Amino acid sequence: MEKHSDGDLFPKIRELDAINAKRDDFFTLVEGKPLSGFEPRVCRRFIVPKDEISYRQATQLHPQDSILLSALVHQFGKGIEVRRRAKGEVFSYRFSPSLEEGLYSTKTAWNDFWTTAHRKSHSCLVILYCDIADFYNQIYHHAVENQLIESGFPNQAIKWLISLLESTTAKVSRGVPIGPHPIHLIAESTLIPIDNSLAANGLQFIRYADDIIIFCDSKKSAKSALALVASTLDKQQRLMLQRHKTKFYDPEDFRALCSEMIEDRPIDKSEEQLLRIIRKYTGGNPYQSISYNAIKPEDWSQFSDRIVGNIIEEYLSKDEVDYIRLRWFYRRLAQVGHPGALDVSLENFEKLGPCLANICAYIASIQSIEPEEWKKIGEKLIGLLDTEEISRSEFFRLSILSLFTRNEYINHFPSLAGRYQISDPYARREILLSAAINKAFDWLREHKESYPQMDAWQRMAFIFGASGLPSDERKFFINGHQYDGPFETVLAKWSKNT
């Protein structure tokens, strides 16, 4: 979690640094203990845009739950993986944990899926493309439980996992959280019987998560395949196909779709050149960050503000903005931390809502800006908080404010402090964290009395910030409260003794 965070949608939890520094103390409180003693904590849920008109509900688990869930999937996930169909049939989230890549092996799985689909389309006459409607939100917890049993998870682990899922769905026995990395493998486990059923019925198919592609030799057999898929989904788990994305294709049109879906699809020659340079230094690893000093001056010069800005403006000029591809480009820029996309991103922030999490991660990655320039960027970010688009979205406010918690040069803490009392709980947490990085410990002191009324997420931030109070004061404060669970207990110990 320290290296790969807890998911792709939210900023990394700052308090993880403290727990990592006291990891042996955390292990002592957790290792060998009954999981039933670690009741799931309060999660956070946000509405996150996918494009200009569609949204999804994303969940961030309490970090204690994220650690325990990651540990369980890391320890027992192989039992799921060995039951899945071959990698040439099912491409999504193949479990092969490593410190370098995280829980899943290949970062090129999406491209591999569509490249394979393109190749297979040459040996058929009709292609059926199916999409399971609202898949993660429709997964029955009973289906999860059955698959975990079949995969050899211990009974205690299964009970804890189901209780965690129920805690994120208000006790409704359907739906798994969108966001946490380990949940992907849990979701994939529920599709094992569906994959097996399709194969047993003789269908030639490949799948990536909720996207299923079936290769048929006639329109008649394609219609039969569609009926079979719909029936299988309904009988197995009461799942349904998404009407507007489920289609029949002839091979030529389908190959055009494949080309559109492949991520490494630069919009012009300038982007193609920049991606070539990034691959040169990352070896093709889309998650590896590169130090500014490691890039040769002649390569760095290719990343001018004008060139990078023009690429983003080219994307935004289209009638239908390809937000999937644009998010991918921001992730590539974050690998090298070049500031070229900064101005155009801040100027077009309201148009770039579906890319917001990626933009904030990109801004946090920038390596070559002087401190006084960061101060100006902070002014622009503060101004964005008052725009209509940002002011009505908790997720947008969280994403912007998180930048003030990670970079001391952005600062502007007096402005944030003035917003504290009128802010929602999620924003208050980020303001508390930004107080710590800006050393506003005297301001934090004024909020000690309200600590008992804070929610669990705000309390974590306050304990983290309290580490900057004078020694005797922070020890008296820390010793004067009870802490719920290993994460808070170890965080308090770190804060008292750091």
Protein backbone atom coordinates (compact mmCIF):
# COMPACT_ATOMS: atom_id res chain seq x y z
CA MET A 1 0.00 0.00 0.00
CA GLU A 2 2.91 2.36 0.63
CA LYS A 3 4.18 1.87 -2.92
CA HIS A 4 0.90 1.42 -4.84
CA SER A 5 -1.63 3.22 -2.59
CA ASP A 6 -4.99 1.60 -1.81
CA GLY A 7 -6.54 2.27 -5.22
CA ASP A 8 -6.36 4.43 -8.32
CA LEU A 9 -9.04 7.02 -7.55
CA PHE A 10 -7.98 8.66 -4.28
CA PRO A 11 -4.85 10.39 -2.97
CA LYS A 12 -2.54 8.20 -0.94
CA ILE A 13 -3.40 8.25 2.76
CA ARG A 14 -0.76 10.40 4.46
CA GLU A 15 -0.95 8.52 7.76
CA LEU A 16 0.41 5.39 6.08
CA ASP A 17 3.88 6.94 6.39
CA ALA A 18 3.50 6.94 10.16
CA ILE A 19 2.24 3.35 10.31
CA ASN A 20 5.08 2.23 8.06
CA ALA A 21 7.56 3.84 10.46
CA LYS A 22 6.01 1.78 13.29
CA ARG A 23 5.18 -1.30 11.27
CA ASP A 24 6.48 -3.77 13.86
CA ASP A 25 4.08 -2.30 16.42
CA PHE A 26 1.22 -2.71 13.95
CA PHE A 27 2.22 -6.32 13.24
CA THR A 28 2.23 -7.07 16.98
CA LEU A 29 -1.37 -5.84 17.33
CA VAL A 30 -2.63 -7.76 14.28
CA GLU A 31 -0.58 -10.89 13.66
CA GLY A 32 -2.15 -14.10 14.91
CA LYS A 33 -5.25 -12.32 16.27
CA PRO A 34 -8.81 -13.42 15.35
CA LEU A 35 -10.14 -11.39 12.44
CA SER A 36 -13.48 -11.16 14.24
CA GLY A 37 -11.78 -8.72 16.60
CA PHE A 38 -11.24 -6.21 13.79
CA GLU A 39 -14.70 -4.92 13.01
CA PRO A 40 -14.75 -3.05 9.66
CA ARG A 41 -14.36 0.70 10.05
CA VAL A 42 -16.16 3.58 8.36
CA CYS A 43 -15.43 3.91 4.63
CA ARG A 44 -15.76 7.01 2.42
CA ARG A 45 -17.96 7.10 -0.69
CA PHE A 46 -17.96 9.64 -3.49
CA ILE A 47 -19.69 10.18 -6.82
CA VAL A 48 -16.87 10.25 -9.41
CA PRO A 49 -17.35 11.26 -13.07
CA LYS A 50 -16.48 8.77 -15.83
CA ASP A 51 -17.19 11.21 -18.67
CA GLU A 52 -19.31 14.31 -19.19
CA ILE A 53 -22.64 12.63 -18.41
CA SER A 54 -21.97 9.36 -16.53
CA TYR A 55 -20.78 8.77 -12.98
CA ARG A 56 -19.82 5.93 -10.67
CA GLN A 57 -19.84 5.58 -6.92
CA ALA A 58 -16.30 5.05 -5.66
CA THR A 59 -15.33 3.84 -2.19
CA GLN A 60 -12.22 4.34 -0.11
CA LEU A 61 -11.89 1.88 2.74
CA HIS A 62 -10.55 2.89 6.13
CA PRO A 63 -6.78 2.26 5.91
CA GLN A 64 -6.92 -0.44 8.59
CA ASP A 65 -9.44 -2.36 6.49
CA SER A 66 -7.37 -1.75 3.35
CA ILE A 67 -4.31 -3.28 4.99
CA LEU A 68 -6.19 -6.31 6.28
CA LEU A 69 -8.01 -6.85 2.96
CA SER A 70 -4.75 -6.54 1.02
CA ALA A 71 -3.09 -9.03 3.37
CA LEU A 72 -5.89 -11.58 2.99
CA VAL A 73 -5.96 -11.33 -0.80
CA HIS A 74 -2.16 -11.46 -0.91
CA GLN A 75 -2.11 -14.59 1.25
CA PHE A 76 -5.02 -16.53 -0.23
CA GLY A 77 -5.55 -14.98 -3.67
CA LYS A 78 -3.69 -17.77 -5.43
CA GLY A 79 -6.62 -20.05 -4.61
CA ILE A 80 -8.79 -17.85 -6.83
CA GLU A 81 -6.20 -17.46 -9.58
CA VAL A 82 -5.63 -21.19 -10.11
CA ARG A 83 -9.35 -21.70 -10.71
CA ARG A 84 -9.64 -19.05 -13.41
CA ARG A 85 -9.55 -19.80 -17.12
CA ALA A 86 -6.36 -19.36 -19.14
CA LYS A 87 -4.77 -15.94 -19.52
CA GLY A 88 -5.48 -16.06 -23.24
CA GLU A 89 -9.22 -16.12 -22.45
CA VAL A 90 -9.52 -13.95 -19.33
CA PHE A 91 -7.20 -10.94 -19.30
CA SER A 92 -8.27 -8.81 -16.34
CA TYR A 93 -6.47 -8.66 -12.98
CA ARG A 94 -4.33 -11.77 -13.17
CA PHE A 95 -3.08 -12.32 -9.63
CA SER A 96 0.71 -12.39 -9.36
CA PRO A 97 1.74 -10.14 -6.46
CA SER A 98 5.11 -8.39 -6.38
CA LEU A 99 6.42 -5.27 -4.73
CA GLU A 100 7.23 -3.80 -8.13
CA GLU A 101 3.84 -4.31 -9.82
CA GLY A 102 1.39 -4.70 -6.95
CA LEU A 103 -1.20 -7.48 -6.72
CA TYR A 104 -1.59 -8.04 -10.46
CA SER A 105 1.00 -9.11 -12.99
CA THR A 106 0.66 -7.34 -16.31
CA LYS A 107 0.01 -3.64 -16.78
CA THR A 108 -0.64 -4.19 -20.50
CA ALA A 109 -3.68 -6.48 -20.03
CA TRP A 110 -6.16 -4.02 -21.57
CA ASN A 111 -4.07 -3.62 -24.72
CA ASP A 112 -3.43 -7.38 -24.83
CA PHE A 113 -7.18 -7.99 -24.65
CA TRP A 114 -7.95 -5.76 -27.64
CA THR A 115 -4.90 -6.92 -29.61
CA THR A 116 -6.07 -10.53 -29.17
CA ALA A 117 -9.62 -9.53 -30.15
CA HIS A 118 -8.26 -7.90 -33.33
CA ARG A 119 -6.31 -11.03 -34.23
CA LYS A 120 -9.19 -13.44 -33.55
CA SER A 121 -11.60 -11.35 -35.63
CA HIS A 122 -9.77 -12.50 -38.78
CA SER A 123 -11.06 -16.06 -38.34
CA CYS A 124 -14.78 -15.37 -37.85
CA LEU A 125 -17.67 -13.68 -39.65
CA VAL A 126 -19.58 -11.98 -36.79
CA ILE A 127 -18.36 -10.65 -33.44
CA LEU A 128 -20.65 -10.22 -30.43
CA TYR A 129 -19.53 -7.60 -27.90
CA CYS A 130 -21.30 -7.85 -24.51
CA ASP A 131 -21.06 -5.62 -21.46
CA ILE A 132 -22.42 -6.62 -18.04
CA ALA A 133 -24.55 -3.80 -16.65
CA ASP A 134 -23.27 -2.12 -13.47
CA PHE A 135 -21.25 -5.24 -12.65
CA TYR A 136 -19.53 -4.33 -9.36
CA ASN A 137 -22.74 -2.94 -7.86
CA GLN A 138 -24.73 -6.07 -8.80
CA ILE A 139 -22.44 -8.76 -7.34
CA TYR A 140 -24.24 -10.83 -4.69
CA HIS A 141 -22.32 -11.32 -1.47
CA HIS A 142 -23.54 -14.91 -1.43
CA ALA A 143 -21.80 -15.45 -4.80
CA VAL A 144 -18.60 -13.99 -3.32
CA GLU A 145 -18.89 -16.26 -0.29
CA ASN A 146 -19.35 -19.38 -2.46
CA GLN A 147 -16.32 -18.58 -4.59
CA LEU A 148 -14.09 -17.81 -1.60
CA ILE A 149 -15.05 -21.18 -0.10
CA GLU A 150 -14.22 -22.94 -3.38
CA SER A 151 -10.91 -21.05 -3.54
CA GLY A 152 -9.77 -22.27 -0.12
CA PHE A 153 -10.11 -19.08 1.92
CA PRO A 154 -10.35 -19.89 5.65
CA ASN A 155 -13.79 -19.54 7.22
CA GLN A 156 -12.64 -16.67 9.47
CA ALA A 157 -11.31 -14.74 6.46
CA ILE A 158 -14.55 -15.27 4.52
CA LYS A 159 -16.71 -14.03 7.39
CA TRP A 160 -14.56 -10.91 7.79
CA LEU A 161 -14.60 -10.20 4.04
CA ILE A 162 -18.39 -10.50 3.84
CA SER A 163 -18.80 -8.24 6.87
CA LEU A 164 -16.51 -5.71 5.15
CA LEU A 165 -18.64 -5.81 1.98
CA GLU A 166 -21.84 -5.40 4.02
CA SER A 167 -20.34 -2.41 5.81
CA THR A 168 -19.95 -0.65 2.46
CA THR A 169 -23.50 -1.41 1.26
CA ALA A 170 -25.49 -0.53 4.40
CA LYS A 171 -26.06 -4.27 5.08
CA VAL A 172 -27.58 -4.84 1.61
CA SER A 173 -26.24 -8.20 0.39
CA ARG A 174 -25.32 -6.94 -3.08
CA GLY A 175 -22.47 -4.87 -4.42
CA VAL A 176 -18.72 -4.62 -3.88
CA PRO A 177 -16.82 -1.33 -3.50
CA ILE A 178 -15.34 0.31 -6.60
CA GLY A 179 -11.83 1.58 -5.95
CA PRO A 180 -9.78 -0.73 -3.68
CA HIS A 181 -7.14 -2.74 -5.57
CA PRO A 182 -7.82 -6.11 -3.82
CA ILE A 183 -11.54 -6.01 -4.66
CA HIS A 184 -10.79 -6.63 -8.34
CA LEU A 185 -9.75 -10.22 -7.66
CA ILE A 186 -12.81 -10.76 -5.42
CA ALA A 187 -15.04 -9.55 -8.28
CA GLU A 188 -13.21 -11.75 -10.79
CA SER A 189 -13.85 -14.81 -8.62
CA THR A 190 -17.62 -14.43 -9.07
CA LEU A 191 -17.21 -14.67 -12.87
CA ILE A 192 -15.41 -18.04 -12.73
CA PRO A 193 -18.64 -20.10 -13.03
CA ILE A 194 -19.91 -17.83 -15.80
CA ASP A 195 -16.67 -18.22 -17.77
CA ASN A 196 -16.79 -21.98 -17.29
CA SER A 197 -20.42 -22.15 -18.41
CA LEU A 198 -19.75 -20.16 -21.60
CA ALA A 199 -16.79 -22.40 -22.42
CA ALA A 200 -18.79 -25.58 -21.67
CA ASN A 201 -21.38 -24.40 -24.20
CA GLY A 202 -18.71 -24.16 -26.88
CA LEU A 203 -18.46 -20.37 -27.17
CA GLN A 204 -15.16 -18.92 -28.42
CA PHE A 205 -14.75 -15.86 -26.20
CA ILE A 206 -12.34 -13.61 -24.39
CA ARG A 207 -13.13 -11.40 -21.39
CA TYR A 208 -11.77 -8.35 -19.59
CA ALA A 209 -13.72 -7.66 -16.37
CA ASP A 210 -17.32 -6.99 -17.50
CA ASP A 211 -16.50 -6.87 -21.24
CA ILE A 212 -17.10 -10.16 -23.08
CA ILE A 213 -16.24 -10.66 -26.76
CA ILE A 214 -17.54 -13.75 -28.60
CA PHE A 215 -16.36 -14.84 -32.06
CA CYS A 216 -19.07 -16.44 -34.23
CA ASP A 217 -19.27 -17.99 -37.69
CA SER A 218 -22.66 -16.51 -38.64
CA LYS A 219 -25.28 -13.96 -37.60
CA LYS A 220 -27.52 -16.82 -36.52
CA SER A 221 -24.89 -18.31 -34.20
CA ALA A 222 -24.14 -14.80 -32.84
CA LYS A 223 -27.81 -14.34 -31.91
CA SER A 224 -27.80 -17.76 -30.25
CA ALA A 225 -24.66 -16.78 -28.36
CA LEU A 226 -26.31 -13.57 -27.13
CA ALA A 227 -29.31 -15.52 -25.82
CA LEU A 228 -26.98 -17.98 -24.11
CA VAL A 229 -24.91 -15.23 -22.46
CA ALA A 230 -28.03 -13.43 -21.23
CA SER A 231 -29.47 -16.66 -19.86
CA THR A 232 -26.21 -17.68 -18.17
CA LEU A 233 -25.79 -14.31 -16.46
CA ASP A 234 -29.37 -14.39 -15.21
CA LYS A 235 -29.33 -17.99 -13.96
CA GLN A 236 -25.91 -17.76 -12.36
CA GLN A 237 -26.19 -14.40 -10.59
CA ARG A 238 -29.21 -12.43 -11.85
CA LEU A 239 -26.87 -10.20 -13.85
CA MET A 240 -27.97 -8.37 -17.00
CA LEU A 241 -26.32 -7.07 -20.17
CA GLN A 242 -26.06 -3.35 -20.82
CA ARG A 243 -28.30 -2.70 -23.81
CA HIS A 244 -26.50 0.23 -25.47
CA LYS A 245 -23.04 -1.38 -25.32
CA THR A 246 -24.00 -4.90 -26.41
CA LYS A 247 -23.66 -5.09 -30.22
CA PHE A 248 -23.02 -7.30 -33.25
CA TYR A 249 -20.05 -6.33 -35.45
CA ASP A 250 -18.77 -7.40 -38.79
CA PRO A 251 -14.99 -8.07 -38.73
CA GLU A 252 -13.97 -4.82 -40.42
CA ASP A 253 -15.96 -2.55 -38.11
CA PHE A 254 -14.85 -4.55 -35.10
CA ARG A 255 -11.17 -4.18 -36.00
CA ALA A 256 -11.71 -0.43 -36.16
CA LEU A 257 -13.18 -0.61 -32.64
CA CYS A 258 -10.14 -2.57 -31.46
CA SER A 259 -7.81 0.13 -32.76
CA GLU A 260 -9.83 2.79 -30.92
CA MET A 261 -9.69 0.91 -27.62
CA ILE A 262 -5.92 0.39 -27.46
CA GLU A 263 -4.44 2.85 -24.96
CA ASP A 264 -1.19 3.65 -26.72
CA ARG A 265 -3.00 5.59 -29.42
CA PRO A 266 -1.44 9.06 -29.68
CA ILE A 267 -3.64 11.84 -30.97
CA ASP A 268 -0.82 13.36 -33.07
CA LYS A 269 2.89 13.02 -33.84
CA SER A 270 3.85 15.25 -30.90
CA GLU A 271 2.23 12.90 -28.41
CA GLU A 272 3.76 9.92 -30.21
CA GLN A 273 7.22 11.45 -29.75
CA LEU A 274 6.67 12.17 -26.04
CA LEU A 275 5.39 8.65 -25.39
CA ARG A 276 8.43 7.23 -27.16
CA ILE A 277 10.72 9.19 -24.80
CA ILE A 278 8.77 8.07 -21.72
CA ARG A 279 9.00 4.42 -22.81
CA LYS A 280 12.73 4.88 -23.33
CA TYR A 281 13.24 5.69 -19.64
CA THR A 282 10.54 3.47 -18.10
CA GLY A 283 11.16 0.36 -20.17
CA GLY A 284 7.44 0.36 -20.96
CA ASN A 285 6.39 0.12 -17.30
CA PRO A 286 3.38 2.49 -17.07
CA TYR A 287 3.76 2.89 -13.29
CA GLN A 288 7.46 3.69 -12.97
CA SER A 289 8.37 7.28 -12.06
CA ILE A 290 11.51 8.84 -13.48
CA SER A 291 13.69 11.40 -11.73
CA TYR A 292 14.14 14.70 -13.55
CA ASN A 293 17.94 14.30 -13.24
CA ALA A 294 17.81 10.92 -15.02
CA ILE A 295 16.38 12.41 -18.23
CA LYS A 296 18.86 13.73 -20.79
CA PRO A 297 18.52 17.47 -21.54
CA GLU A 298 17.82 16.81 -25.24
CA ASP A 299 14.91 14.52 -24.30
CA TRP A 300 13.58 16.87 -21.62
CA SER A 301 13.54 19.71 -24.17
CA GLN A 302 10.94 17.77 -26.20
CA PHE A 303 8.46 18.35 -23.34
CA SER A 304 7.89 22.06 -23.87
CA ASP A 305 4.85 23.75 -22.31
CA ARG A 306 3.60 24.59 -25.79
CA ILE A 307 3.83 21.01 -27.10
CA VAL A 308 2.25 19.38 -24.03
CA GLY A 309 -0.43 22.05 -23.81
CA ASN A 310 -1.30 21.68 -27.49
CA ILE A 311 -1.78 17.92 -27.04
CA ILE A 312 -4.32 18.41 -24.24
CA GLU A 313 -6.11 21.17 -26.14
CA GLU A 314 -6.32 18.85 -29.15
CA TYR A 315 -8.14 16.27 -27.01
CA LEU A 316 -10.51 18.90 -25.62
CA SER A 317 -11.32 20.26 -29.08
CA LYS A 318 -13.09 17.06 -30.14
CA ASP A 319 -16.90 16.92 -30.13
CA GLU A 320 -16.64 13.80 -27.96
CA VAL A 321 -13.65 14.06 -25.65
CA ASP A 322 -11.86 10.72 -25.23
CA TYR A 323 -11.51 10.96 -21.45
CA ILE A 324 -10.22 7.39 -21.14
CA ARG A 325 -7.30 8.18 -23.42
CA LEU A 326 -6.73 11.62 -21.87
CA ARG A 327 -6.54 10.11 -18.37
CA TRP A 328 -3.96 7.69 -19.72
CA PHE A 329 -1.89 10.60 -21.11
CA TYR A 330 -1.93 12.37 -17.73
CA ARG A 331 -0.67 9.16 -16.11
CA ARG A 332 2.22 9.10 -18.56
CA LEU A 333 3.05 12.75 -17.85
CA ALA A 334 3.07 11.97 -14.12
CA GLN A 335 5.83 9.44 -14.73
CA VAL A 336 8.24 12.21 -15.74
CA GLY A 337 6.73 15.06 -13.73
CA HIS A 338 6.99 17.70 -16.48
CA PRO A 339 5.05 20.93 -15.74
CA GLY A 340 3.99 21.47 -19.37
CA ALA A 341 0.35 20.47 -18.80
CA LEU A 342 -0.09 22.60 -15.70
CA ASP A 343 -1.42 25.88 -17.12
CA VAL A 344 -3.75 24.31 -19.68
CA SER A 345 -5.10 21.93 -17.02
CA LEU A 346 -5.86 24.69 -14.53
CA GLU A 347 -7.45 26.86 -17.24
CA ASN A 348 -9.72 24.01 -18.38
CA PHE A 349 -10.35 22.41 -15.01
CA GLU A 350 -14.13 22.38 -15.33
CA LYS A 351 -13.95 20.59 -18.70
CA LEU A 352 -11.50 18.06 -17.29
CA GLY A 353 -13.67 16.76 -14.42
CA PRO A 354 -13.50 13.08 -15.48
CA CYS A 355 -9.68 13.36 -15.38
CA LEU A 356 -9.49 15.18 -12.04
CA ALA A 357 -7.90 12.41 -9.98
CA ASN A 358 -5.25 11.91 -12.66
CA ILE A 359 -4.61 15.65 -12.94
CA CYS A 360 -4.09 15.98 -9.20
CA ALA A 361 -1.71 13.00 -9.22
CA TYR A 362 0.10 14.67 -12.14
CA ILE A 363 0.38 18.02 -10.34
CA ALA A 364 1.76 16.23 -7.27
CA SER A 365 4.40 14.56 -9.48
CA ILE A 366 5.85 17.77 -10.98
CA GLN A 367 9.56 17.97 -10.23
CA SER A 368 11.01 21.11 -11.81
CA ILE A 369 9.14 24.13 -10.44
CA GLU A 370 10.62 26.79 -8.16
CA PRO A 371 8.92 27.34 -4.77
CA GLU A 372 7.60 30.79 -5.75
CA GLU A 373 5.86 29.23 -8.77
CA TRP A 374 4.11 26.71 -6.52
CA LYS A 375 2.74 29.66 -4.53
CA LYS A 376 1.07 30.99 -7.71
CA ILE A 377 -0.31 27.54 -8.48
CA GLY A 378 -1.78 27.46 -4.99
CA GLU A 379 -3.62 30.71 -5.69
CA LYS A 380 -5.21 29.19 -8.79
CA LEU A 381 -6.22 26.05 -6.90
CA ILE A 382 -7.84 28.14 -4.16
CA GLY A 383 -9.76 30.02 -6.83
CA LEU A 384 -11.00 26.75 -8.32
CA LEU A 385 -12.59 25.76 -5.01
CA ASP A 386 -15.14 28.53 -5.52
CA THR A 387 -16.17 27.57 -9.05
CA GLU A 388 -19.62 26.04 -9.44
CA GLU A 389 -18.32 22.73 -10.79
CA ILE A 390 -15.94 22.18 -7.86
CA SER A 391 -18.13 23.60 -5.10
CA ARG A 392 -20.91 21.06 -5.69
CA SER A 393 -18.65 17.98 -5.73
CA GLU A 394 -17.13 16.50 -2.56
CA PHE A 395 -14.76 14.41 -4.66
CA PHE A 396 -13.48 17.42 -6.61
CA ARG A 397 -12.88 19.40 -3.40
CA LEU A 398 -11.08 16.45 -1.80
CA SER A 399 -8.84 16.02 -4.87
CA ILE A 400 -7.82 19.69 -5.01
CA LEU A 401 -7.32 20.08 -1.26
CA SER A 402 -5.18 16.93 -1.17
CA LEU A 403 -2.53 18.81 -3.15
CA PHE A 404 -2.10 21.20 -0.20
CA THR A 405 -1.35 18.22 2.06
CA ARG A 406 1.54 16.93 -0.07
CA ASN A 407 3.51 20.03 -1.06
CA GLU A 408 4.65 22.59 1.52
CA TYR A 409 5.39 25.16 -1.20
CA ILE A 410 1.78 25.40 -2.36
CA ASN A 411 0.92 26.65 1.16
CA HIS A 412 -1.92 29.25 1.38
CA PHE A 413 -2.89 27.76 4.71
CA PRO A 414 -4.52 30.98 6.05
CA SER A 415 -7.05 30.75 3.23
CA LEU A 416 -7.75 27.08 4.02
CA ALA A 417 -8.06 27.80 7.73
CA GLY A 418 -10.73 30.38 6.95
CA ARG A 419 -12.74 27.70 5.16
CA TYR A 420 -12.50 25.08 7.88
CA GLN A 421 -15.71 25.83 9.82
CA ILE A 422 -17.89 25.97 6.68
CA SER A 423 -16.37 22.88 5.04
CA ASP A 424 -17.74 19.33 4.80
CA PRO A 425 -16.00 16.59 6.85
CA TYR A 426 -13.94 15.36 3.89
CA ALA A 427 -12.57 18.85 3.24
CA ARG A 428 -11.91 19.40 6.94
CA ARG A 429 -9.73 16.32 7.00
CA GLU A 430 -7.57 17.68 4.15
CA ILE A 431 -7.29 21.07 5.88
CA LEU A 432 -6.12 19.34 9.07
CA LEU A 433 -3.48 17.45 7.07
CA SER A 434 -2.38 20.62 5.28
CA ALA A 435 -1.94 22.28 8.70
CA ALA A 436 0.63 19.60 9.51
CA ILE A 437 2.71 20.07 6.35
CA ASN A 438 2.56 23.87 6.76
CA LYS A 439 3.51 23.61 10.44
CA ALA A 440 0.35 25.42 11.57
CA PHE A 441 0.47 23.60 14.90
CA ASP A 442 -0.79 26.55 16.93
CA TRP A 443 -3.92 26.59 14.75
CA LEU A 444 -4.31 22.83 15.33
CA ARG A 445 -4.15 23.41 19.09
CA GLU A 446 -7.34 25.47 18.88
CA HIS A 447 -9.22 22.39 17.65
CA LYS A 448 -8.19 19.96 20.38
CA GLU A 449 -11.49 20.40 22.19
CA SER A 450 -13.49 19.43 19.11
CA TYR A 451 -11.46 16.22 18.61
CA PRO A 452 -14.10 13.95 20.26
CA GLN A 453 -16.74 15.21 17.80
CA MET A 454 -14.61 14.53 14.72
CA ASP A 455 -15.34 11.52 12.52
CA ALA A 456 -12.79 8.68 12.29
CA TRP A 457 -11.10 10.13 9.19
CA GLN A 458 -10.70 13.58 10.73
CA ARG A 459 -9.38 12.06 13.97
CA MET A 460 -6.64 10.26 12.04
CA ALA A 461 -5.61 13.54 10.41
CA PHE A 462 -5.62 15.37 13.76
CA ILE A 463 -3.51 12.69 15.47
CA PHE A 464 -1.08 12.88 12.54
CA GLY A 465 -0.84 16.67 12.87
CA ALA A 466 -0.57 16.57 16.65
CA SER A 467 2.94 15.16 16.20
CA GLY A 468 4.07 18.77 15.74
CA LEU A 469 2.80 20.00 19.10
CA PRO A 470 5.31 20.51 21.93
CA SER A 471 6.41 17.23 23.48
CA ASP A 472 4.62 17.44 26.84
CA GLU A 473 1.46 18.86 25.26
CA ARG A 474 1.13 16.15 22.64
CA LYS A 475 1.85 13.35 25.13
CA PHE A 476 -0.83 14.70 27.48
CA PHE A 477 -3.29 14.97 24.58
CA ILE A 478 -2.53 11.52 23.13
CA ASN A 479 -2.67 9.83 26.55
CA GLY A 480 -6.02 11.47 27.26
CA HIS A 481 -7.94 9.57 24.55
CA GLN A 482 -8.85 6.00 23.64
CA TYR A 483 -8.01 4.64 20.17
CA ASP A 484 -10.14 2.26 18.17
CA GLY A 485 -8.11 -0.49 16.51
CA PRO A 486 -4.47 -1.13 15.62
CA PHE A 487 -4.21 1.62 13.01
CA GLU A 488 -5.27 4.46 15.32
CA THR A 489 -3.33 2.96 18.24
CA VAL A 490 -0.07 2.83 16.31
CA LEU A 491 -0.70 6.23 14.72
CA ALA A 492 -1.13 7.72 18.21
CA LYS A 493 2.08 6.05 19.41
CA TRP A 494 3.96 7.46 16.42
CA SER A 495 2.52 10.92 17.00
CA LYS A 496 3.43 10.89 20.70
CA ASN A 497 6.99 9.67 20.19
CA THR A 498 8.09 11.05 16.81
